[in-house]
PDB file of N, CA and C in Angstrom:
ATOM      1  N   UNK A   1       0.823  -1.180   0.000  1.00  0.00           N
ATOM      2  CA  UNK A   1       0.000   0.000   0.000  1.00  0.00           C
ATOM      3  C   UNK A   1       0.869   1.247   0.000  1.00  0.00           C
ATOM      4  N   UNK A   2       0.509   2.169  -0.858  1.00  0.00           N
ATOM      5  CA  UNK A   2       1.260   3.405  -0.966  1.00  0.00           C
ATOM      6  C   UNK A   2       0.952   4.305   0.222  1.00  0.00           C
ATOM      7  N   UNK A   3       1.986   4.910   0.794  1.00  0.00           N
ATOM      8  CA  UNK A   3       1.796   5.802   1.926  1.00  0.00           C
ATOM      9  C   UNK A   3       2.167   7.208   1.513  1.00  0.00           C
ATOM     10  N   UNK A   4       1.177   8.042   1.270  1.00  0.00           N
ATOM     11  CA  UNK A   4       1.443   9.424   0.901  1.00  0.00           C
ATOM     12  C   UNK A   4       1.020  10.372   1.998  1.00  0.00           C
ATOM     13  N   UNK A   5       0.885   9.873   3.215  1.00  0.00           N
ATOM     14  CA  UNK A   5       0.548  10.727   4.327  1.00  0.00           C
ATOM     15  C   UNK A   5      -0.895  10.594   4.786  1.00  0.00           C
ATOM     16  N   UNK A   6      -1.764  10.071   3.959  1.00  0.00           N
ATOM     17  CA  UNK A   6      -3.146   9.862   4.389  1.00  0.00           C
ATOM     18  C   UNK A   6      -3.641   8.538   3.825  1.00  0.00           C
ATOM     19  N   UNK A   7      -4.601   7.985   4.504  1.00  0.00           N
ATOM     20  CA  UNK A   7      -5.132   6.690   4.086  1.00  0.00           C
ATOM     21  C   UNK A   7      -5.965   6.852   2.824  1.00  0.00           C
ATOM     22  N   UNK A   8      -5.647   6.068   1.814  1.00  0.00           N
ATOM     23  CA  UNK A   8      -6.406   6.111   0.572  1.00  0.00           C
ATOM     24  C   UNK A   8      -7.663   5.257   0.720  1.00  0.00           C
ATOM     25  N   UNK A   9      -8.551   5.383  -0.233  1.00  0.00           N
ATOM     26  CA  UNK A   9      -9.776   4.584  -0.229  1.00  0.00           C
ATOM     27  C   UNK A   9      -9.428   3.101  -0.257  1.00  0.00           C
ATOM     28  N   UNK A  10      -8.429   2.738  -1.046  1.00  0.00           N
ATOM     29  CA  UNK A  10      -8.012   1.334  -1.143  1.00  0.00           C
ATOM     30  C   UNK A  10      -7.553   0.806   0.218  1.00  0.00           C
ATOM     31  N   UNK A  11      -6.798   1.628   0.948  1.00  0.00           N
ATOM     32  CA  UNK A  11      -6.331   1.214   2.269  1.00  0.00           C
ATOM     33  C   UNK A  11      -7.497   1.026   3.233  1.00  0.00           C
ATOM     34  N   UNK A  12      -8.472   1.939   3.177  1.00  0.00           N
ATOM     35  CA  UNK A  12      -9.635   1.813   4.062  1.00  0.00           C
ATOM     36  C   UNK A  12     -10.428   0.559   3.733  1.00  0.00           C
ATOM     37  N   UNK A  13     -10.507   0.210   2.455  1.00  0.00           N
ATOM     38  CA  UNK A  13     -11.210  -1.015   2.060  1.00  0.00           C
ATOM     39  C   UNK A  13     -10.510  -2.223   2.681  1.00  0.00           C
ATOM     40  N   UNK A  14      -9.186  -2.253   2.614  1.00  0.00           N
ATOM     41  CA  UNK A  14      -8.416  -3.361   3.199  1.00  0.00           C
ATOM     42  C   UNK A  14      -8.625  -3.404   4.711  1.00  0.00           C
ATOM     43  N   UNK A  15      -8.604  -2.242   5.359  1.00  0.00           N
ATOM     44  CA  UNK A  15      -8.792  -2.184   6.814  1.00  0.00           C
ATOM     45  C   UNK A  15     -10.163  -2.737   7.194  1.00  0.00           C
ATOM     46  N   UNK A  16     -11.187  -2.353   6.451  1.00  0.00           N
ATOM     47  CA  UNK A  16     -12.533  -2.852   6.742  1.00  0.00           C
ATOM     48  C   UNK A  16     -12.660  -4.346   6.443  1.00  0.00           C
ATOM     49  N   UNK A  17     -11.959  -4.816   5.417  1.00  0.00           N
ATOM     50  CA  UNK A  17     -11.961  -6.257   5.132  1.00  0.00           C
ATOM     51  C   UNK A  17     -11.327  -7.022   6.285  1.00  0.00           C
ATOM     52  N   UNK A  18     -10.203  -6.505   6.788  1.00  0.00           N
ATOM     53  CA  UNK A  18      -9.511  -7.145   7.913  1.00  0.00           C
ATOM     54  C   UNK A  18     -10.459  -7.249   9.098  1.00  0.00           C
ATOM     55  N   UNK A  19     -11.064  -6.127   9.454  1.00  0.00           N
ATOM     56  CA  UNK A  19     -11.948  -6.110  10.623  1.00  0.00           C
ATOM     57  C   UNK A  19     -13.176  -6.998  10.410  1.00  0.00           C
ATOM     58  N   UNK A  20     -13.696  -7.028   9.197  1.00  0.00           N
ATOM     59  CA  UNK A  20     -14.849  -7.874   8.903  1.00  0.00           C
ATOM     60  C   UNK A  20     -14.513  -9.356   8.951  1.00  0.00           C
ATOM     61  N   UNK A  21     -13.363  -9.719   8.407  1.00  0.00           N
ATOM     62  CA  UNK A  21     -12.954 -11.127   8.406  1.00  0.00           C
ATOM     63  C   UNK A  21     -12.636 -11.622   9.817  1.00  0.00           C
ATOM     64  N   UNK A  22     -12.118 -10.730  10.655  1.00  0.00           N
ATOM     65  CA  UNK A  22     -11.764 -11.118  12.019  1.00  0.00           C
ATOM     66  C   UNK A  22     -13.001 -11.195  12.909  1.00  0.00           C
ATOM     67  N   UNK A  23     -13.887 -10.236  12.792  1.00  0.00           N
ATOM     68  CA  UNK A  23     -15.164 -10.206  13.519  1.00  0.00           C
ATOM     69  C   UNK A  23     -14.986 -10.479  15.006  1.00  0.00           C
ATOM     70  N   UNK A  24     -14.115  -9.719  15.626  1.00  0.00           N
ATOM     71  CA  UNK A  24     -13.858  -9.807  17.072  1.00  0.00           C
ATOM     72  C   UNK A  24     -13.497 -11.225  17.530  1.00  0.00           C
ATOM     73  N   UNK A  25     -12.701 -11.897  16.729  1.00  0.00           N
ATOM     74  CA  UNK A  25     -12.220 -13.223  17.101  1.00  0.00           C
ATOM     75  C   UNK A  25     -13.151 -14.363  16.731  1.00  0.00           C
ATOM     76  N   UNK A  26     -14.332 -14.056  16.203  1.00  0.00           N
ATOM     77  CA  UNK A  26     -15.290 -15.106  15.837  1.00  0.00           C
ATOM     78  C   UNK A  26     -15.119 -15.545  14.391  1.00  0.00           C
ATOM     79  N   UNK A  27     -14.335 -14.807  13.640  1.00  0.00           N
ATOM     80  CA  UNK A  27     -14.143 -15.111  12.222  1.00  0.00           C
ATOM     81  C   UNK A  27     -12.828 -15.821  11.979  1.00  0.00           C
ATOM     82  N   UNK A  28     -12.129 -15.380  10.945  1.00  0.00           N
ATOM     83  CA  UNK A  28     -10.864 -16.000  10.559  1.00  0.00           C
ATOM     84  C   UNK A  28      -9.747 -15.615  11.517  1.00  0.00           C
ATOM     85  N   UNK A  29      -8.716 -16.439  11.555  1.00  0.00           N
ATOM     86  CA  UNK A  29      -7.533 -16.137  12.354  1.00  0.00           C
ATOM     87  C   UNK A  29      -6.704 -15.069  11.648  1.00  0.00           C
ATOM     88  N   UNK A  30      -5.776 -14.491  12.371  1.00  0.00           N
ATOM     89  CA  UNK A  30      -4.888 -13.478  11.798  1.00  0.00           C
ATOM     90  C   UNK A  30      -4.104 -14.076  10.634  1.00  0.00           C
ATOM     91  N   UNK A  31      -3.631 -15.286  10.800  1.00  0.00           N
ATOM     92  CA  UNK A  31      -2.879 -15.953   9.730  1.00  0.00           C
ATOM     93  C   UNK A  31      -3.750 -16.150   8.489  1.00  0.00           C
ATOM     94  N   UNK A  32      -4.989 -16.589   8.692  1.00  0.00           N
ATOM     95  CA  UNK A  32      -5.900 -16.814   7.560  1.00  0.00           C
ATOM     96  C   UNK A  32      -6.226 -15.501   6.847  1.00  0.00           C
ATOM     97  N   UNK A  33      -6.407 -14.433   7.616  1.00  0.00           N
ATOM     98  CA  UNK A  33      -6.681 -13.122   7.014  1.00  0.00           C
ATOM     99  C   UNK A  33      -5.485 -12.660   6.196  1.00  0.00           C
ATOM    100  N   UNK A  34      -4.275 -12.831   6.738  1.00  0.00           N
ATOM    101  CA  UNK A  34      -3.078 -12.396   6.012  1.00  0.00           C
ATOM    102  C   UNK A  34      -2.920 -13.175   4.710  1.00  0.00           C
ATOM    103  N   UNK A  35      -3.248 -14.445   4.722  1.00  0.00           N
ATOM    104  CA  UNK A  35      -3.195 -15.247   3.490  1.00  0.00           C
ATOM    105  C   UNK A  35      -4.269 -14.803   2.501  1.00  0.00           C
ATOM    106  N   UNK A  36      -5.482 -14.602   3.001  1.00  0.00           N
ATOM    107  CA  UNK A  36      -6.617 -14.212   2.160  1.00  0.00           C
ATOM    108  C   UNK A  36      -6.358 -12.889   1.439  1.00  0.00           C
ATOM    109  N   UNK A  37      -5.781 -11.921   2.164  1.00  0.00           N
ATOM    110  CA  UNK A  37      -5.564 -10.587   1.605  1.00  0.00           C
ATOM    111  C   UNK A  37      -4.141 -10.379   1.079  1.00  0.00           C
ATOM    112  N   UNK A  38      -3.292 -11.381   1.225  1.00  0.00           N
ATOM    113  CA  UNK A  38      -1.883 -11.306   0.783  1.00  0.00           C
ATOM    114  C   UNK A  38      -1.151 -10.122   1.408  1.00  0.00           C
ATOM    115  N   UNK A  39      -1.316  -9.991   2.723  1.00  0.00           N
ATOM    116  CA  UNK A  39      -0.602  -8.954   3.468  1.00  0.00           C
ATOM    117  C   UNK A  39       0.041  -9.591   4.698  1.00  0.00           C
ATOM    118  N   UNK A  40       0.945  -8.866   5.302  1.00  0.00           N
ATOM    119  CA  UNK A  40       1.689  -9.347   6.454  1.00  0.00           C
ATOM    120  C   UNK A  40       0.778  -9.570   7.667  1.00  0.00           C
ATOM    121  N   UNK A  41       1.102 -10.588   8.461  1.00  0.00           N
ATOM    122  CA  UNK A  41       0.365 -10.810   9.713  1.00  0.00           C
ATOM    123  C   UNK A  41       0.521  -9.616  10.643  1.00  0.00           C
ATOM    124  N   UNK A  42       1.697  -8.986  10.604  1.00  0.00           N
ATOM    125  CA  UNK A  42       1.913  -7.810  11.450  1.00  0.00           C
ATOM    126  C   UNK A  42       0.988  -6.665  11.057  1.00  0.00           C
ATOM    127  N   UNK A  43       0.744  -6.505   9.757  1.00  0.00           N
ATOM    128  CA  UNK A  43      -0.177  -5.472   9.286  1.00  0.00           C
ATOM    129  C   UNK A  43      -1.587  -5.775   9.774  1.00  0.00           C
ATOM    130  N   UNK A  44      -1.989  -7.027   9.687  1.00  0.00           N
ATOM    131  CA  UNK A  44      -3.315  -7.431  10.169  1.00  0.00           C
ATOM    132  C   UNK A  44      -3.431  -7.123  11.655  1.00  0.00           C
ATOM    133  N   UNK A  45      -2.438  -7.521  12.432  1.00  0.00           N
ATOM    134  CA  UNK A  45      -2.449  -7.260  13.881  1.00  0.00           C
ATOM    135  C   UNK A  45      -2.541  -5.767  14.171  1.00  0.00           C
ATOM    136  N   UNK A  46      -1.742  -4.976  13.441  1.00  0.00           N
ATOM    137  CA  UNK A  46      -1.707  -3.528  13.667  1.00  0.00           C
ATOM    138  C   UNK A  46      -3.094  -2.922  13.498  1.00  0.00           C
ATOM    139  N   UNK A  47      -3.775  -3.260  12.421  1.00  0.00           N
ATOM    140  CA  UNK A  47      -5.081  -2.667  12.165  1.00  0.00           C
ATOM    141  C   UNK A  47      -6.173  -3.239  13.060  1.00  0.00           C
ATOM    142  N   UNK A  48      -6.021  -4.463  13.528  1.00  0.00           N
ATOM    143  CA  UNK A  48      -7.001  -5.018  14.459  1.00  0.00           C
ATOM    144  C   UNK A  48      -6.899  -4.359  15.829  1.00  0.00           C
ATOM    145  N   UNK A  49      -5.707  -3.942  16.203  1.00  0.00           N
ATOM    146  CA  UNK A  49      -5.502  -3.337  17.515  1.00  0.00           C
ATOM    147  C   UNK A  49      -5.958  -1.884  17.574  1.00  0.00           C
ATOM    148  N   UNK A  50      -6.038  -1.222  16.431  1.00  0.00           N
ATOM    149  CA  UNK A  50      -6.386   0.194  16.406  1.00  0.00           C
ATOM    150  C   UNK A  50      -7.853   0.410  16.056  1.00  0.00           C
ATOM    151  N   UNK A  51      -8.444   1.424  16.657  1.00  0.00           N
ATOM    152  CA  UNK A  51      -9.788   1.866  16.284  1.00  0.00           C
ATOM    153  C   UNK A  51      -9.664   2.749  15.048  1.00  0.00           C
ATOM    154  N   UNK A  52     -10.772   3.006  14.358  1.00  0.00           N
ATOM    155  CA  UNK A  52     -10.727   3.782  13.116  1.00  0.00           C
ATOM    156  C   UNK A  52     -10.153   5.178  13.321  1.00  0.00           C
ATOM    157  N   UNK A  53     -10.479   5.830  14.430  1.00  0.00           N
ATOM    158  CA  UNK A  53      -9.936   7.171  14.694  1.00  0.00           C
ATOM    159  C   UNK A  53      -8.421   7.106  14.859  1.00  0.00           C
ATOM    160  N   UNK A  54      -7.938   6.066  15.530  1.00  0.00           N
ATOM    161  CA  UNK A  54      -6.502   5.904  15.720  1.00  0.00           C
ATOM    162  C   UNK A  54      -5.812   5.618  14.392  1.00  0.00           C
ATOM    163  N   UNK A  55      -6.446   4.812  13.542  1.00  0.00           N
ATOM    164  CA  UNK A  55      -5.876   4.503  12.231  1.00  0.00           C
ATOM    165  C   UNK A  55      -5.777   5.773  11.411  1.00  0.00           C
ATOM    166  N   UNK A  56      -6.833   6.569  11.428  1.00  0.00           N
ATOM    167  CA  UNK A  56      -6.858   7.823  10.680  1.00  0.00           C
ATOM    168  C   UNK A  56      -5.755   8.757  11.171  1.00  0.00           C
ATOM    169  N   UNK A  57      -5.605   8.881  12.483  1.00  0.00           N
ATOM    170  CA  UNK A  57      -4.560   9.738  13.046  1.00  0.00           C
ATOM    171  C   UNK A  57      -3.175   9.212  12.681  1.00  0.00           C
ATOM    172  N   UNK A  58      -2.999   7.893  12.721  1.00  0.00           N
ATOM    173  CA  UNK A  58      -1.719   7.268  12.386  1.00  0.00           C
ATOM    174  C   UNK A  58      -1.353   7.531  10.931  1.00  0.00           C
ATOM    175  N   UNK A  59      -2.317   7.360  10.028  1.00  0.00           N
ATOM    176  CA  UNK A  59      -2.053   7.539   8.603  1.00  0.00           C
ATOM    177  C   UNK A  59      -1.882   9.007   8.232  1.00  0.00           C
ATOM    178  N   UNK A  60      -2.560   9.914   8.947  1.00  0.00           N
ATOM    179  CA  UNK A  60      -2.496  11.337   8.624  1.00  0.00           C
ATOM    180  C   UNK A  60      -1.319  12.043   9.280  1.00  0.00           C
ATOM    181  N   UNK A  61      -0.593  11.357  10.130  1.00  0.00           N
ATOM    182  CA  UNK A  61       0.513  11.976  10.857  1.00  0.00           C
ATOM    183  C   UNK A  61       1.684  12.222   9.918  1.00  0.00           C
ATOM    184  N   UNK A  62       1.865  13.472   9.518  1.00  0.00           N
ATOM    185  CA  UNK A  62       2.934  13.829   8.594  1.00  0.00           C
ATOM    186  C   UNK A  62       4.311  13.819   9.231  1.00  0.00           C
ATOM    187  N   UNK A  63       4.372  13.675  10.550  1.00  0.00           N
ATOM    188  CA  UNK A  63       5.663  13.717  11.228  1.00  0.00           C
ATOM    189  C   UNK A  63       6.369  12.363  11.238  1.00  0.00           C
ATOM    190  N   UNK A  64       5.716  11.332  10.706  1.00  0.00           N
ATOM    191  CA  UNK A  64       6.364  10.019  10.666  1.00  0.00           C
ATOM    192  C   UNK A  64       7.606  10.075   9.790  1.00  0.00           C
ATOM    193  N   UNK A  65       8.662   9.406  10.215  1.00  0.00           N
ATOM    194  CA  UNK A  65       9.916   9.371   9.467  1.00  0.00           C
ATOM    195  C   UNK A  65       9.782   8.429   8.277  1.00  0.00           C
ATOM    196  N   UNK A  66      10.191   8.914   7.143  1.00  0.00           N
ATOM    197  CA  UNK A  66      10.196   8.089   5.938  1.00  0.00           C
ATOM    198  C   UNK A  66      11.637   7.994   5.443  1.00  0.00           C
ATOM    199  N   UNK A  67      12.013   6.858   4.922  1.00  0.00           N
ATOM    200  CA  UNK A  67      13.399   6.624   4.525  1.00  0.00           C
ATOM    201  C   UNK A  67      13.885   7.598   3.454  1.00  0.00           C
ATOM    202  N   UNK A  68      13.017   8.047   2.594  1.00  0.00           N
ATOM    203  CA  UNK A  68      13.435   8.936   1.509  1.00  0.00           C
ATOM    204  C   UNK A  68      13.354  10.418   1.866  1.00  0.00           C
ATOM    205  N   UNK A  69      12.960  10.751   3.086  1.00  0.00           N
ATOM    206  CA  UNK A  69      12.861  12.160   3.483  1.00  0.00           C
ATOM    207  C   UNK A  69      14.176  12.906   3.297  1.00  0.00           C
ATOM    208  N   UNK A  70      15.280  12.252   3.560  1.00  0.00           N
ATOM    209  CA  UNK A  70      16.583  12.905   3.428  1.00  0.00           C
ATOM    210  C   UNK A  70      16.883  13.285   1.981  1.00  0.00           C
ATOM    211  N   UNK A  71      16.234  12.637   1.022  1.00  0.00           N
ATOM    212  CA  UNK A  71      16.489  12.869  -0.401  1.00  0.00           C
ATOM    213  C   UNK A  71      15.313  13.534  -1.108  1.00  0.00           C
ATOM    214  N   UNK A  72      14.341  14.012  -0.348  1.00  0.00           N
ATOM    215  CA  UNK A  72      13.112  14.561  -0.918  1.00  0.00           C
ATOM    216  C   UNK A  72      13.383  15.687  -1.918  1.00  0.00           C
ATOM    217  N   UNK A  73      14.224  16.660  -1.568  1.00  0.00           N
ATOM    218  CA  UNK A  73      14.500  17.789  -2.474  1.00  0.00           C
ATOM    219  C   UNK A  73      15.095  17.312  -3.792  1.00  0.00           C
ATOM    220  N   UNK A  74      16.023  16.384  -3.722  1.00  0.00           N
ATOM    221  CA  UNK A  74      16.643  15.863  -4.937  1.00  0.00           C
ATOM    222  C   UNK A  74      15.614  15.153  -5.816  1.00  0.00           C
ATOM    223  N   UNK A  75      14.767  14.363  -5.204  1.00  0.00           N
ATOM    224  CA  UNK A  75      13.786  13.587  -5.960  1.00  0.00           C
ATOM    225  C   UNK A  75      12.702  14.456  -6.589  1.00  0.00           C
ATOM    226  N   UNK A  76      12.347  15.530  -5.930  1.00  0.00           N
ATOM    227  CA  UNK A  76      11.291  16.408  -6.444  1.00  0.00           C
ATOM    228  C   UNK A  76      11.795  17.257  -7.601  1.00  0.00           C
ATOM    229  N   UNK A  77      13.037  17.673  -7.555  1.00  0.00           N
ATOM    230  CA  UNK A  77      13.560  18.578  -8.597  1.00  0.00           C
ATOM    231  C   UNK A  77      14.339  17.862  -9.626  1.00  0.00           C
TER     232      UNK A  77
END
């Protein structure tokens, strides 16, 4: 998933799929969800632990360190 500072519609769809498939522990296991959606188990765990407001704040936080930040000026120009 592309991270441009805010959660895209595609990311929200994946987040809702994760939460729907898990269904508060009554649905699929974390491993089964990660296989079904072809994403990391850690990603599944991360989104299951956070509420939607927390996910939104996490994705919108522009202060997160990104590996290419040191080269941003060069890449833009």
